[in-house]
Amino acid sequence: MKVYQFIHEPDAKPLYRGTLADVKADAKEVATKLRFAIRIHELDVPTDKDSVIALLNNGGPPADLKPTRSWSVTPRGGLAELE
């Protein structure tokens, strides 16, 4: 299952959303001059029973889960995919 991780500040707890459109709407609510720091990561979260139980017990996705795609936010609120 794909979920999107929204990171506004490096030390802040990330937010998780179900669609890229939801994350983009969150990014547009951030002041223009602060958007450069936003990072958005697409995560492919395993949905087998053991993974879901671990997710619920640990309060978030596994630490070793790597993003499949990542974006930054442009000053106008658009998304720019990172390499």
PDB file of N, CA and C in Angstrom:
ATOM      1  N   MET A   1       0.848  -1.160   0.000  1.00  0.00           N
ATOM      2  CA  MET A   1       0.000   0.000   0.000  1.00  0.00           C
ATOM      3  C   MET A   1       0.903   1.235   0.000  1.00  0.00           C
ATOM      4  N   LYS A   2       0.612   2.173  -0.873  1.00  0.00           N
ATOM      5  CA  LYS A   2       1.403   3.397  -0.940  1.00  0.00           C
ATOM      6  C   LYS A   2       0.829   4.452   0.003  1.00  0.00           C
ATOM      7  N   VAL A   3       1.720   5.043   0.785  1.00  0.00           N
ATOM      8  CA  VAL A   3       1.369   6.175   1.638  1.00  0.00           C
ATOM      9  C   VAL A   3       2.411   7.253   1.401  1.00  0.00           C
ATOM     10  N   TYR A   4       2.070   8.474   1.763  1.00  0.00           N
ATOM     11  CA  TYR A   4       2.954   9.610   1.526  1.00  0.00           C
ATOM     12  C   TYR A   4       3.334  10.241   2.847  1.00  0.00           C
ATOM     13  N   GLN A   5       4.643  10.383   3.043  1.00  0.00           N
ATOM     14  CA  GLN A   5       5.201  10.962   4.260  1.00  0.00           C
ATOM     15  C   GLN A   5       5.530  12.428   3.995  1.00  0.00           C
ATOM     16  N   PHE A   6       5.006  13.305   4.831  1.00  0.00           N
ATOM     17  CA  PHE A   6       5.189  14.753   4.699  1.00  0.00           C
ATOM     18  C   PHE A   6       6.104  15.209   5.825  1.00  0.00           C
ATOM     19  N   ILE A   7       7.287  15.716   5.464  1.00  0.00           N
ATOM     20  CA  ILE A   7       8.246  16.194   6.452  1.00  0.00           C
ATOM     21  C   ILE A   7       8.424  17.690   6.249  1.00  0.00           C
ATOM     22  N   HIS A   8       7.974  18.473   7.224  1.00  0.00           N
ATOM     23  CA  HIS A   8       8.043  19.928   7.117  1.00  0.00           C
ATOM     24  C   HIS A   8       9.328  20.466   7.717  1.00  0.00           C
ATOM     25  N   GLU A   9       9.742  19.925   8.841  1.00  0.00           N
ATOM     26  CA  GLU A   9      10.972  20.346   9.514  1.00  0.00           C
ATOM     27  C   GLU A   9      11.770  19.089   9.847  1.00  0.00           C
ATOM     28  N   PRO A  10      13.095  19.158   9.763  1.00  0.00           N
ATOM     29  CA  PRO A  10      13.918  17.958   9.978  1.00  0.00           C
ATOM     30  C   PRO A  10      13.671  17.240  11.306  1.00  0.00           C
ATOM     31  N   ASP A  11      13.408  17.975  12.377  1.00  0.00           N
ATOM     32  CA  ASP A  11      13.231  17.357  13.693  1.00  0.00           C
ATOM     33  C   ASP A  11      11.771  17.080  14.047  1.00  0.00           C
ATOM     34  N   ALA A  12      10.850  17.483  13.194  1.00  0.00           N
ATOM     35  CA  ALA A  12       9.424  17.311  13.483  1.00  0.00           C
ATOM     36  C   ALA A  12       8.975  15.891  13.148  1.00  0.00           C
ATOM     37  N   LYS A  13       7.929  15.454  13.817  1.00  0.00           N
ATOM     38  CA  LYS A  13       7.340  14.153  13.530  1.00  0.00           C
ATOM     39  C   LYS A  13       6.668  14.220  12.154  1.00  0.00           C
ATOM     40  N   PRO A  14       6.944  13.263  11.266  1.00  0.00           N
ATOM     41  CA  PRO A  14       6.335  13.314   9.932  1.00  0.00           C
ATOM     42  C   PRO A  14       4.829  13.044   9.988  1.00  0.00           C
ATOM     43  N   LEU A  15       4.129  13.592   9.013  1.00  0.00           N
ATOM     44  CA  LEU A  15       2.704  13.325   8.831  1.00  0.00           C
ATOM     45  C   LEU A  15       2.558  12.315   7.704  1.00  0.00           C
ATOM     46  N   TYR A  16       1.516  11.506   7.746  1.00  0.00           N
ATOM     47  CA  TYR A  16       1.269  10.509   6.709  1.00  0.00           C
ATOM     48  C   TYR A  16      -0.095  10.765   6.095  1.00  0.00           C
ATOM     49  N   ARG A  17      -0.164  10.699   4.781  1.00  0.00           N
ATOM     50  CA  ARG A  17      -1.404  10.916   4.041  1.00  0.00           C
ATOM     51  C   ARG A  17      -1.597   9.779   3.043  1.00  0.00           C
ATOM     52  N   GLY A  18      -2.826   9.606   2.590  1.00  0.00           N
ATOM     53  CA  GLY A  18      -3.151   8.516   1.682  1.00  0.00           C
ATOM     54  C   GLY A  18      -2.961   8.823   0.212  1.00  0.00           C
ATOM     55  N   THR A  19      -2.946  10.105  -0.152  1.00  0.00           N
ATOM     56  CA  THR A  19      -2.794  10.455  -1.566  1.00  0.00           C
ATOM     57  C   THR A  19      -1.785  11.592  -1.722  1.00  0.00           C
ATOM     58  N   LEU A  20      -1.211  11.661  -2.899  1.00  0.00           N
ATOM     59  CA  LEU A  20      -0.277  12.736  -3.211  1.00  0.00           C
ATOM     60  C   LEU A  20      -1.003  14.086  -3.213  1.00  0.00           C
ATOM     61  N   ALA A  21      -2.257  14.090  -3.624  1.00  0.00           N
ATOM     62  CA  ALA A  21      -3.044  15.329  -3.631  1.00  0.00           C
ATOM     63  C   ALA A  21      -3.216  15.872  -2.208  1.00  0.00           C
ATOM     64  N   ASP A  22      -3.424  14.989  -1.238  1.00  0.00           N
ATOM     65  CA  ASP A  22      -3.560  15.425   0.155  1.00  0.00           C
ATOM     66  C   ASP A  22      -2.263  16.065   0.664  1.00  0.00           C
ATOM     67  N   VAL A  23      -1.136  15.469   0.301  1.00  0.00           N
ATOM     68  CA  VAL A  23       0.161  16.007   0.728  1.00  0.00           C
ATOM     69  C   VAL A  23       0.424  17.351   0.055  1.00  0.00           C
ATOM     70  N   LYS A  24       0.072  17.456  -1.210  1.00  0.00           N
ATOM     71  CA  LYS A  24       0.266  18.714  -1.931  1.00  0.00           C
ATOM     72  C   LYS A  24      -0.575  19.822  -1.297  1.00  0.00           C
ATOM     73  N   ALA A  25      -1.791  19.503  -0.877  1.00  0.00           N
ATOM     74  CA  ALA A  25      -2.636  20.490  -0.205  1.00  0.00           C
ATOM     75  C   ALA A  25      -1.998  20.925   1.116  1.00  0.00           C
ATOM     76  N   ASP A  26      -1.417  19.980   1.855  1.00  0.00           N
ATOM     77  CA  ASP A  26      -0.713  20.329   3.101  1.00  0.00           C
ATOM     78  C   ASP A  26       0.457  21.268   2.804  1.00  0.00           C
ATOM     79  N   ALA A  27       1.193  20.987   1.744  1.00  0.00           N
ATOM     80  CA  ALA A  27       2.363  21.798   1.388  1.00  0.00           C
ATOM     81  C   ALA A  27       1.961  23.224   1.024  1.00  0.00           C
ATOM     82  N   LYS A  28       0.826  23.374   0.379  1.00  0.00           N
ATOM     83  CA  LYS A  28       0.383  24.710  -0.020  1.00  0.00           C
ATOM     84  C   LYS A  28      -0.031  25.563   1.171  1.00  0.00           C
ATOM     85  N   GLU A  29      -0.305  24.933   2.308  1.00  0.00           N
ATOM     86  CA  GLU A  29      -0.669  25.684   3.506  1.00  0.00           C
ATOM     87  C   GLU A  29       0.551  26.270   4.223  1.00  0.00           C
ATOM     88  N   VAL A  30       1.732  25.809   3.857  1.00  0.00           N
ATOM     89  CA  VAL A  30       2.977  26.305   4.464  1.00  0.00           C
ATOM     90  C   VAL A  30       3.359  27.612   3.777  1.00  0.00           C
ATOM     91  N   ALA A  31       3.868  28.550   4.553  1.00  0.00           N
ATOM     92  CA  ALA A  31       4.273  29.844   4.002  1.00  0.00           C
ATOM     93  C   ALA A  31       5.282  29.645   2.871  1.00  0.00           C
ATOM     94  N   THR A  32       5.165  30.465   1.830  1.00  0.00           N
ATOM     95  CA  THR A  32       5.995  30.342   0.633  1.00  0.00           C
ATOM     96  C   THR A  32       7.480  30.283   0.948  1.00  0.00           C
ATOM     97  N   LYS A  33       7.955  31.135   1.824  1.00  0.00           N
ATOM     98  CA  LYS A  33       9.389  31.189   2.103  1.00  0.00           C
ATOM     99  C   LYS A  33       9.901  29.979   2.886  1.00  0.00           C
ATOM    100  N   LEU A  34       9.014  29.146   3.418  1.00  0.00           N
ATOM    101  CA  LEU A  34       9.414  27.965   4.176  1.00  0.00           C
ATOM    102  C   LEU A  34       9.272  26.663   3.399  1.00  0.00           C
ATOM    103  N   ARG A  35       8.732  26.737   2.189  1.00  0.00           N
ATOM    104  CA  ARG A  35       8.453  25.519   1.427  1.00  0.00           C
ATOM    105  C   ARG A  35       9.693  24.771   0.980  1.00  0.00           C
ATOM    106  N   PHE A  36      10.837  25.457   0.872  1.00  0.00           N
ATOM    107  CA  PHE A  36      12.060  24.805   0.387  1.00  0.00           C
ATOM    108  C   PHE A  36      12.478  23.643   1.288  1.00  0.00           C
ATOM    109  N   ALA A  37      12.104  23.663   2.555  1.00  0.00           N
ATOM    110  CA  ALA A  37      12.527  22.632   3.508  1.00  0.00           C
ATOM    111  C   ALA A  37      11.625  21.393   3.501  1.00  0.00           C
ATOM    112  N   ILE A  38      10.495  21.464   2.841  1.00  0.00           N
ATOM    113  CA  ILE A  38       9.547  20.348   2.842  1.00  0.00           C
ATOM    114  C   ILE A  38      10.080  19.202   1.988  1.00  0.00           C
ATOM    115  N   ARG A  39       9.912  17.985   2.496  1.00  0.00           N
ATOM    116  CA  ARG A  39      10.214  16.783   1.730  1.00  0.00           C
ATOM    117  C   ARG A  39       9.015  15.856   1.803  1.00  0.00           C
ATOM    118  N   ILE A  40       8.703  15.251   0.676  1.00  0.00           N
ATOM    119  CA  ILE A  40       7.597  14.305   0.578  1.00  0.00           C
ATOM    120  C   ILE A  40       8.173  12.998   0.050  1.00  0.00           C
ATOM    121  N   HIS A  41       7.845  11.900   0.730  1.00  0.00           N
ATOM    122  CA  HIS A  41       8.347  10.588   0.319  1.00  0.00           C
ATOM    123  C   HIS A  41       7.175   9.637   0.107  1.00  0.00           C
ATOM    124  N   GLU A  42       7.206   8.915  -1.001  1.00  0.00           N
ATOM    125  CA  GLU A  42       6.237   7.854  -1.247  1.00  0.00           C
ATOM    126  C   GLU A  42       6.802   6.579  -0.630  1.00  0.00           C
ATOM    127  N   LEU A  43       6.021   5.940   0.230  1.00  0.00           N
ATOM    128  CA  LEU A  43       6.447   4.711   0.888  1.00  0.00           C
ATOM    129  C   LEU A  43       5.518   3.578   0.477  1.00  0.00           C
ATOM    130  N   ASP A  44       6.082   2.443   0.180  1.00  0.00           N
ATOM    131  CA  ASP A  44       5.291   1.253  -0.136  1.00  0.00           C
ATOM    132  C   ASP A  44       5.278   0.391   1.120  1.00  0.00           C
ATOM    133  N   VAL A  45       4.208   0.520   1.896  1.00  0.00           N
ATOM    134  CA  VAL A  45       4.110  -0.145   3.193  1.00  0.00           C
ATOM    135  C   VAL A  45       3.535  -1.542   2.997  1.00  0.00           C
ATOM    136  N   PRO A  46       4.237  -2.570   3.492  1.00  0.00           N
ATOM    137  CA  PRO A  46       3.703  -3.930   3.375  1.00  0.00           C
ATOM    138  C   PRO A  46       2.422  -4.072   4.196  1.00  0.00           C
ATOM    139  N   THR A  47       1.460  -4.792   3.662  1.00  0.00           N
ATOM    140  CA  THR A  47       0.165  -4.914   4.335  1.00  0.00           C
ATOM    141  C   THR A  47      -0.155  -6.348   4.759  1.00  0.00           C
ATOM    142  N   ASP A  48       0.878  -7.177   4.906  1.00  0.00           N
ATOM    143  CA  ASP A  48       0.621  -8.515   5.431  1.00  0.00           C
ATOM    144  C   ASP A  48       0.350  -8.403   6.935  1.00  0.00           C
ATOM    145  N   LYS A  49      -0.200  -9.425   7.519  1.00  0.00           N
ATOM    146  CA  LYS A  49      -0.634  -9.381   8.911  1.00  0.00           C
ATOM    147  C   LYS A  49       0.496  -9.001   9.867  1.00  0.00           C
ATOM    148  N   ASP A  50       1.666  -9.613   9.731  1.00  0.00           N
ATOM    149  CA  ASP A  50       2.781  -9.322  10.642  1.00  0.00           C
ATOM    150  C   ASP A  50       3.226  -7.862  10.539  1.00  0.00           C
ATOM    151  N   SER A  51       3.243  -7.326   9.316  1.00  0.00           N
ATOM    152  CA  SER A  51       3.660  -5.929   9.124  1.00  0.00           C
ATOM    153  C   SER A  51       2.661  -4.957   9.736  1.00  0.00           C
ATOM    154  N   VAL A  52       1.380  -5.246   9.585  1.00  0.00           N
ATOM    155  CA  VAL A  52       0.345  -4.371  10.156  1.00  0.00           C
ATOM    156  C   VAL A  52       0.416  -4.395  11.683  1.00  0.00           C
ATOM    157  N   ILE A  53       0.619  -5.547  12.273  1.00  0.00           N
ATOM    158  CA  ILE A  53       0.732  -5.643  13.730  1.00  0.00           C
ATOM    159  C   ILE A  53       1.955  -4.882  14.216  1.00  0.00           C
ATOM    160  N   ALA A  54       3.082  -5.031  13.523  1.00  0.00           N
ATOM    161  CA  ALA A  54       4.294  -4.297  13.901  1.00  0.00           C
ATOM    162  C   ALA A  54       4.073  -2.799  13.760  1.00  0.00           C
ATOM    163  N   LEU A  55       3.385  -2.387  12.710  1.00  0.00           N
ATOM    164  CA  LEU A  55       3.083  -0.972  12.480  1.00  0.00           C
ATOM    165  C   LEU A  55       2.250  -0.406  13.630  1.00  0.00           C
ATOM    166  N   LEU A  56       1.232  -1.132  14.038  1.00  0.00           N
ATOM    167  CA  LEU A  56       0.376  -0.671  15.135  1.00  0.00           C
ATOM    168  C   LEU A  56       1.123  -0.653  16.468  1.00  0.00           C
ATOM    169  N   ASN A  57       1.959  -1.633  16.698  1.00  0.00           N
ATOM    170  CA  ASN A  57       2.698  -1.697  17.962  1.00  0.00           C
ATOM    171  C   ASN A  57       3.793  -0.646  18.047  1.00  0.00           C
ATOM    172  N   ASN A  58       4.388  -0.272  16.924  1.00  0.00           N
ATOM    173  CA  ASN A  58       5.505   0.666  16.928  1.00  0.00           C
ATOM    174  C   ASN A  58       5.097   2.103  16.652  1.00  0.00           C
ATOM    175  N   GLY A  59       3.868   2.333  16.258  1.00  0.00           N
ATOM    176  CA  GLY A  59       3.382   3.694  16.055  1.00  0.00           C
ATOM    177  C   GLY A  59       3.860   4.363  14.775  1.00  0.00           C
ATOM    178  N   GLY A  60       4.278   3.635  13.799  1.00  0.00           N
ATOM    179  CA  GLY A  60       4.721   4.206  12.535  1.00  0.00           C
ATOM    180  C   GLY A  60       5.320   3.142  11.646  1.00  0.00           C
ATOM    181  N   PRO A  61       5.666   3.513  10.429  1.00  0.00           N
ATOM    182  CA  PRO A  61       6.253   2.520   9.529  1.00  0.00           C
ATOM    183  C   PRO A  61       7.637   2.092  10.012  1.00  0.00           C
ATOM    184  N   PRO A  62       8.091   0.920   9.596  1.00  0.00           N
ATOM    185  CA  PRO A  62       9.417   0.451  10.013  1.00  0.00           C
ATOM    186  C   PRO A  62      10.511   1.433   9.608  1.00  0.00           C
ATOM    187  N   ALA A  63      11.526   1.555  10.435  1.00  0.00           N
ATOM    188  CA  ALA A  63      12.611   2.502  10.179  1.00  0.00           C
ATOM    189  C   ALA A  63      13.399   2.143   8.928  1.00  0.00           C
ATOM    190  N   ASP A  64      13.408   0.874   8.558  1.00  0.00           N
ATOM    191  CA  ASP A  64      14.178   0.455   7.390  1.00  0.00           C
ATOM    192  C   ASP A  64      13.397   0.569   6.079  1.00  0.00           C
ATOM    193  N   LEU A  65      12.206   1.130   6.131  1.00  0.00           N
ATOM    194  CA  LEU A  65      11.386   1.306   4.936  1.00  0.00           C
ATOM    195  C   LEU A  65      11.922   2.471   4.110  1.00  0.00           C
ATOM    196  N   LYS A  66      12.346   2.195   2.895  1.00  0.00           N
ATOM    197  CA  LYS A  66      12.951   3.207   2.028  1.00  0.00           C
ATOM    198  C   LYS A  66      11.904   3.802   1.090  1.00  0.00           C
ATOM    199  N   PRO A  67      11.979   5.119   0.825  1.00  0.00           N
ATOM    200  CA  PRO A  67      11.038   5.754  -0.108  1.00  0.00           C
ATOM    201  C   PRO A  67      11.226   5.229  -1.535  1.00  0.00           C
ATOM    202  N   THR A  68      10.129   5.086  -2.254  1.00  0.00           N
ATOM    203  CA  THR A  68      10.213   4.695  -3.664  1.00  0.00           C
ATOM    204  C   THR A  68      10.351   5.926  -4.557  1.00  0.00           C
ATOM    205  N   ARG A  69       9.819   7.065  -4.122  1.00  0.00           N
ATOM    206  CA  ARG A  69       9.946   8.343  -4.828  1.00  0.00           C
ATOM    207  C   ARG A  69       9.980   9.455  -3.787  1.00  0.00           C
ATOM    208  N   SER A  70      10.578  10.594  -4.153  1.00  0.00           N
ATOM    209  CA  SER A  70      10.644  11.737  -3.238  1.00  0.00           C
ATOM    210  C   SER A  70      10.460  13.032  -4.008  1.00  0.00           C
ATOM    211  N   TRP A  71       9.893  14.039  -3.337  1.00  0.00           N
ATOM    212  CA  TRP A  71       9.652  15.341  -3.935  1.00  0.00           C
ATOM    213  C   TRP A  71      10.073  16.446  -2.976  1.00  0.00           C
ATOM    214  N   SER A  72      10.364  17.592  -3.541  1.00  0.00           N
ATOM    215  CA  SER A  72      10.479  18.835  -2.777  1.00  0.00           C
ATOM    216  C   SER A  72       9.321  19.705  -3.258  1.00  0.00           C
ATOM    217  N   VAL A  73       9.117  20.827  -2.587  1.00  0.00           N
ATOM    218  CA  VAL A  73       8.010  21.717  -2.936  1.00  0.00           C
ATOM    219  C   VAL A  73       8.580  23.023  -3.482  1.00  0.00           C
ATOM    220  N   THR A  74       8.052  23.458  -4.614  1.00  0.00           N
ATOM    221  CA  THR A  74       8.499  24.709  -5.227  1.00  0.00           C
ATOM    222  C   THR A  74       7.881  25.893  -4.493  1.00  0.00           C
ATOM    223  N   PRO A  75       8.423  27.087  -4.677  1.00  0.00           N
ATOM    224  CA  PRO A  75       7.845  28.268  -4.028  1.00  0.00           C
ATOM    225  C   PRO A  75       6.372  28.495  -4.382  1.00  0.00           C
ATOM    226  N   ARG A  76       5.940  28.062  -5.562  1.00  0.00           N
ATOM    227  CA  ARG A  76       4.536  28.243  -5.961  1.00  0.00           C
ATOM    228  C   ARG A  76       3.633  27.105  -5.497  1.00  0.00           C
ATOM    229  N   GLY A  77       4.194  26.122  -4.787  1.00  0.00           N
ATOM    230  CA  GLY A  77       3.378  25.035  -4.248  1.00  0.00           C
ATOM    231  C   GLY A  77       3.342  23.789  -5.114  1.00  0.00           C
ATOM    232  N   GLY A  78       4.088  23.763  -6.197  1.00  0.00           N
ATOM    233  CA  GLY A  78       4.158  22.563  -7.032  1.00  0.00           C
ATOM    234  C   GLY A  78       5.151  21.569  -6.459  1.00  0.00           C
ATOM    235  N   LEU A  79       5.143  20.358  -6.999  1.00  0.00           N
ATOM    236  CA  LEU A  79       6.063  19.334  -6.552  1.00  0.00           C
ATOM    237  C   LEU A  79       7.148  19.131  -7.595  1.00  0.00           C
ATOM    238  N   ALA A  80       8.385  19.006  -7.136  1.00  0.00           N
ATOM    239  CA  ALA A  80       9.525  18.738  -8.013  1.00  0.00           C
ATOM    240  C   ALA A  80      10.141  17.411  -7.540  1.00  0.00           C
ATOM    241  N   GLU A  81      10.105  16.401  -8.413  1.00  0.00           N
ATOM    242  CA  GLU A  81      10.631  15.098  -8.030  1.00  0.00           C
ATOM    243  C   GLU A  81      12.141  15.163  -7.864  1.00  0.00           C
ATOM    244  N   LEU A  82      12.617  14.525  -6.793  1.00  0.00           N
ATOM    245  CA  LEU A  82      14.047  14.464  -6.511  1.00  0.00           C
ATOM    246  C   LEU A  82      14.615  13.197  -7.123  1.00  0.00           C
ATOM    247  N   GLU A  83      15.843  13.264  -7.534  1.00  0.00           N
ATOM    248  CA  GLU A  83      16.498  12.093  -8.139  1.00  0.00           C
ATOM    249  C   GLU A  83      16.875  11.086  -7.100  1.00  0.00           C
TER     250      GLU A  83
END
